[in-house]
């Protein structure tokens, strides 16, 4: 098979192009696409453990730890020790992290529309459905 027809190649290149667009545009808020993912989780759930965030975002625990470190230094999140179990930590968005919710979500909607503008409404729905089906595959 020619490499340009390999699904891994195609998805990697497409993801890279989307990542660049999102990175460039999210930089105005001083966040990365990965940090947006964490904030989006916290905007929805308010408080999660690092492991829960990693599971939701489908990244390694070690990866999420570095992202959380940078976000905490930036003042976007707080790590809170559980008073009854000091080994348990929860992550919450700070006031600054919460203040980004509306403008960042508006930008994400705009960027999704921009990236998907090359597709008809039917193609867009089909693509999202197909990608969701791929994401739901098990082993």
C-alpha atoms as a PDB file:
ATOM      1  CA  UNK A   1       0.000   0.000   0.000  1.00  0.00           C
ATOM      2  CA  UNK A   2       1.202   3.488  -0.781  1.00  0.00           C
ATOM      3  CA  UNK A   3       1.822   5.348   2.488  1.00  0.00           C
ATOM      4  CA  UNK A   4      -0.414   8.262   1.445  1.00  0.00           C
ATOM      5  CA  UNK A   5      -3.366   5.850   1.463  1.00  0.00           C
ATOM      6  CA  UNK A   6      -2.596   4.496   4.939  1.00  0.00           C
ATOM      7  CA  UNK A   7      -5.249   5.573   7.456  1.00  0.00           C
ATOM      8  CA  UNK A   8      -2.583   6.317  10.075  1.00  0.00           C
ATOM      9  CA  UNK A   9      -0.805   8.687   7.707  1.00  0.00           C
ATOM     10  CA  UNK A  10      -4.031  10.422   6.657  1.00  0.00           C
ATOM     11  CA  UNK A  11      -5.300  10.890  10.206  1.00  0.00           C
ATOM     12  CA  UNK A  12      -1.881  12.059  11.428  1.00  0.00           C
ATOM     13  CA  UNK A  13      -1.567  14.680   8.691  1.00  0.00           C
ATOM     14  CA  UNK A  14      -5.168  15.861   9.165  1.00  0.00           C
ATOM     15  CA  UNK A  15      -4.717  16.047  12.939  1.00  0.00           C
ATOM     16  CA  UNK A  16      -1.475  17.993  12.521  1.00  0.00           C
ATOM     17  CA  UNK A  17      -3.161  20.562  10.261  1.00  0.00           C
ATOM     18  CA  UNK A  18      -6.050  21.009  12.710  1.00  0.00           C
ATOM     19  CA  UNK A  19      -3.627  21.191  15.659  1.00  0.00           C
ATOM     20  CA  UNK A  20      -1.690  24.029  13.985  1.00  0.00           C
ATOM     21  CA  UNK A  21      -4.877  26.042  13.406  1.00  0.00           C
ATOM     22  CA  UNK A  22      -6.051  25.504  16.983  1.00  0.00           C
ATOM     23  CA  UNK A  23      -2.587  26.229  18.453  1.00  0.00           C
ATOM     24  CA  UNK A  24      -2.216  29.472  16.548  1.00  0.00           C
ATOM     25  CA  UNK A  25      -5.665  30.711  17.528  1.00  0.00           C
ATOM     26  CA  UNK A  26      -5.678  29.546  21.162  1.00  0.00           C
ATOM     27  CA  UNK A  27      -2.339  31.293  21.735  1.00  0.00           C
ATOM     28  CA  UNK A  28      -4.223  34.600  22.085  1.00  0.00           C
ATOM     29  CA  UNK A  29      -5.523  33.176  25.378  1.00  0.00           C
ATOM     30  CA  UNK A  30      -2.122  31.786  26.356  1.00  0.00           C
ATOM     31  CA  UNK A  31      -3.269  28.171  26.181  1.00  0.00           C
ATOM     32  CA  UNK A  32      -2.505  25.139  24.035  1.00  0.00           C
ATOM     33  CA  UNK A  33      -4.996  22.685  22.531  1.00  0.00           C
ATOM     34  CA  UNK A  34      -4.066  20.215  25.290  1.00  0.00           C
ATOM     35  CA  UNK A  35      -4.713  22.802  27.978  1.00  0.00           C
ATOM     36  CA  UNK A  36      -8.020  23.629  26.325  1.00  0.00           C
ATOM     37  CA  UNK A  37      -8.936  19.941  26.670  1.00  0.00           C
ATOM     38  CA  UNK A  38      -8.243  20.034  30.406  1.00  0.00           C
ATOM     39  CA  UNK A  39     -10.187  23.265  30.873  1.00  0.00           C
ATOM     40  CA  UNK A  40     -13.118  21.908  28.859  1.00  0.00           C
ATOM     41  CA  UNK A  41     -13.250  18.892  31.180  1.00  0.00           C
ATOM     42  CA  UNK A  42     -13.193  21.146  34.245  1.00  0.00           C
ATOM     43  CA  UNK A  43     -15.785  23.526  32.823  1.00  0.00           C
ATOM     44  CA  UNK A  44     -18.092  20.541  32.463  1.00  0.00           C
ATOM     45  CA  UNK A  45     -17.294  18.596  35.641  1.00  0.00           C
ATOM     46  CA  UNK A  46     -15.893  21.326  37.967  1.00  0.00           C
ATOM     47  CA  UNK A  47     -13.571  18.945  39.837  1.00  0.00           C
ATOM     48  CA  UNK A  48     -11.732  15.864  38.560  1.00  0.00           C
ATOM     49  CA  UNK A  49      -8.694  13.832  39.527  1.00  0.00           C
ATOM     50  CA  UNK A  50      -5.697  13.904  37.196  1.00  0.00           C
ATOM     51  CA  UNK A  51      -6.410  10.274  36.332  1.00  0.00           C
ATOM     52  CA  UNK A  52     -10.010  11.088  35.394  1.00  0.00           C
ATOM     53  CA  UNK A  53      -8.824  13.916  33.136  1.00  0.00           C
ATOM     54  CA  UNK A  54      -6.274  11.630  31.479  1.00  0.00           C
ATOM     55  CA  UNK A  55      -8.959   8.989  30.903  1.00  0.00           C
ATOM     56  CA  UNK A  56     -11.425  11.473  29.401  1.00  0.00           C
ATOM     57  CA  UNK A  57      -8.773  12.972  27.102  1.00  0.00           C
ATOM     58  CA  UNK A  58      -7.239   9.548  26.335  1.00  0.00           C
ATOM     59  CA  UNK A  59      -3.702  10.534  27.262  1.00  0.00           C
ATOM     60  CA  UNK A  60      -1.147   8.980  29.560  1.00  0.00           C
ATOM     61  CA  UNK A  61      -1.132   9.965  33.246  1.00  0.00           C
ATOM     62  CA  UNK A  62       2.452  11.173  32.849  1.00  0.00           C
ATOM     63  CA  UNK A  63       1.415  13.440  29.960  1.00  0.00           C
ATOM     64  CA  UNK A  64      -1.431  15.014  31.896  1.00  0.00           C
ATOM     65  CA  UNK A  65       0.856  15.630  34.866  1.00  0.00           C
ATOM     66  CA  UNK A  66       3.120  17.906  32.810  1.00  0.00           C
ATOM     67  CA  UNK A  67       0.143  19.750  31.322  1.00  0.00           C
ATOM     68  CA  UNK A  68      -1.310  20.297  34.809  1.00  0.00           C
ATOM     69  CA  UNK A  69       2.062  21.556  36.100  1.00  0.00           C
ATOM     70  CA  UNK A  70       2.189  24.230  33.384  1.00  0.00           C
ATOM     71  CA  UNK A  71      -1.453  25.175  33.906  1.00  0.00           C
ATOM     72  CA  UNK A  72      -0.988  25.489  37.659  1.00  0.00           C
ATOM     73  CA  UNK A  73       2.064  27.755  37.171  1.00  0.00           C
ATOM     74  CA  UNK A  74      -0.012  29.890  34.817  1.00  0.00           C
ATOM     75  CA  UNK A  75      -2.800  30.158  37.410  1.00  0.00           C
ATOM     76  CA  UNK A  76      -5.440  28.337  35.349  1.00  0.00           C
ATOM     77  CA  UNK A  77      -5.998  25.419  37.725  1.00  0.00           C
ATOM     78  CA  UNK A  78      -5.505  24.475  41.355  1.00  0.00           C
ATOM     79  CA  UNK A  79      -4.662  21.047  42.689  1.00  0.00           C
ATOM     80  CA  UNK A  80      -6.551  20.445  45.916  1.00  0.00           C
ATOM     81  CA  UNK A  81      -5.628  17.758  48.444  1.00  0.00           C
ATOM     82  CA  UNK A  82      -8.521  15.714  49.764  1.00  0.00           C
ATOM     83  CA  UNK A  83      -8.613  16.512  53.518  1.00  0.00           C
ATOM     84  CA  UNK A  84      -9.654  12.951  54.394  1.00  0.00           C
ATOM     85  CA  UNK A  85      -7.190  11.241  52.027  1.00  0.00           C
ATOM     86  CA  UNK A  86      -4.031  13.253  51.417  1.00  0.00           C
ATOM     87  CA  UNK A  87      -3.005  10.925  48.578  1.00  0.00           C
ATOM     88  CA  UNK A  88      -6.090  11.981  46.622  1.00  0.00           C
ATOM     89  CA  UNK A  89      -5.835  15.183  44.589  1.00  0.00           C
ATOM     90  CA  UNK A  90      -8.579  16.905  42.670  1.00  0.00           C
ATOM     91  CA  UNK A  91      -8.105  19.524  39.983  1.00  0.00           C
ATOM     92  CA  UNK A  92     -10.299  22.613  39.708  1.00  0.00           C
ATOM     93  CA  UNK A  93     -10.257  25.584  37.372  1.00  0.00           C
ATOM     94  CA  UNK A  94      -9.274  28.853  39.045  1.00  0.00           C
ATOM     95  CA  UNK A  95     -11.149  32.100  38.568  1.00  0.00           C
ATOM     96  CA  UNK A  96      -8.802  32.855  35.650  1.00  0.00           C
ATOM     97  CA  UNK A  97      -9.403  29.413  34.148  1.00  0.00           C
ATOM     98  CA  UNK A  98     -13.159  29.857  34.474  1.00  0.00           C
ATOM     99  CA  UNK A  99     -12.996  33.345  32.924  1.00  0.00           C
ATOM    100  CA  UNK A 100     -11.715  31.800  29.681  1.00  0.00           C
ATOM    101  CA  UNK A 101     -14.759  29.571  29.241  1.00  0.00           C
ATOM    102  CA  UNK A 102     -17.007  31.792  27.113  1.00  0.00           C
ATOM    103  CA  UNK A 103     -14.409  33.362  24.801  1.00  0.00           C
ATOM    104  CA  UNK A 104     -12.519  30.093  24.293  1.00  0.00           C
ATOM    105  CA  UNK A 105     -15.660  28.069  23.631  1.00  0.00           C
ATOM    106  CA  UNK A 106     -16.779  30.691  21.103  1.00  0.00           C
ATOM    107  CA  UNK A 107     -13.382  30.437  19.396  1.00  0.00           C
ATOM    108  CA  UNK A 108     -13.530  26.618  19.379  1.00  0.00           C
ATOM    109  CA  UNK A 109     -16.955  26.757  17.691  1.00  0.00           C
ATOM    110  CA  UNK A 110     -15.536  29.178  15.113  1.00  0.00           C
ATOM    111  CA  UNK A 111     -12.456  27.006  14.494  1.00  0.00           C
ATOM    112  CA  UNK A 112     -14.557  23.853  14.110  1.00  0.00           C
ATOM    113  CA  UNK A 113     -16.680  25.672  11.528  1.00  0.00           C
ATOM    114  CA  UNK A 114     -13.532  26.924   9.763  1.00  0.00           C
ATOM    115  CA  UNK A 115     -11.861  23.505   9.604  1.00  0.00           C
ATOM    116  CA  UNK A 116     -15.047  21.766   8.485  1.00  0.00           C
ATOM    117  CA  UNK A 117     -16.068  24.469   5.985  1.00  0.00           C
ATOM    118  CA  UNK A 118     -14.668  22.388   3.103  1.00  0.00           C
ATOM    119  CA  UNK A 119     -17.464  19.861   3.685  1.00  0.00           C
ATOM    120  CA  UNK A 120     -21.174  20.077   2.992  1.00  0.00           C
ATOM    121  CA  UNK A 121     -23.420  19.882   6.085  1.00  0.00           C
ATOM    122  CA  UNK A 122     -24.140  16.234   5.262  1.00  0.00           C
ATOM    123  CA  UNK A 123     -20.429  15.422   4.807  1.00  0.00           C
ATOM    124  CA  UNK A 124     -19.625  17.212   8.062  1.00  0.00           C
ATOM    125  CA  UNK A 125     -22.181  15.129   9.992  1.00  0.00           C
ATOM    126  CA  UNK A 126     -20.957  11.968   8.292  1.00  0.00           C
ATOM    127  CA  UNK A 127     -17.291  12.713   9.024  1.00  0.00           C
ATOM    128  CA  UNK A 128     -17.994  13.419  12.697  1.00  0.00           C
ATOM    129  CA  UNK A 129     -20.062  10.244  12.940  1.00  0.00           C
ATOM    130  CA  UNK A 130     -17.335   8.162  11.302  1.00  0.00           C
ATOM    131  CA  UNK A 131     -14.615   9.618  13.519  1.00  0.00           C
ATOM    132  CA  UNK A 132     -16.743   8.990  16.601  1.00  0.00           C
ATOM    133  CA  UNK A 133     -17.173   5.402  15.496  1.00  0.00           C
ATOM    134  CA  UNK A 134     -13.388   5.059  15.146  1.00  0.00           C
ATOM    135  CA  UNK A 135     -12.901   6.590  18.602  1.00  0.00           C
ATOM    136  CA  UNK A 136     -15.344   4.078  20.103  1.00  0.00           C
ATOM    137  CA  UNK A 137     -13.442   1.045  18.768  1.00  0.00           C
ATOM    138  CA  UNK A 138     -12.091  -1.313  21.381  1.00  0.00           C
ATOM    139  CA  UNK A 139      -8.827  -3.154  20.767  1.00  0.00           C
END
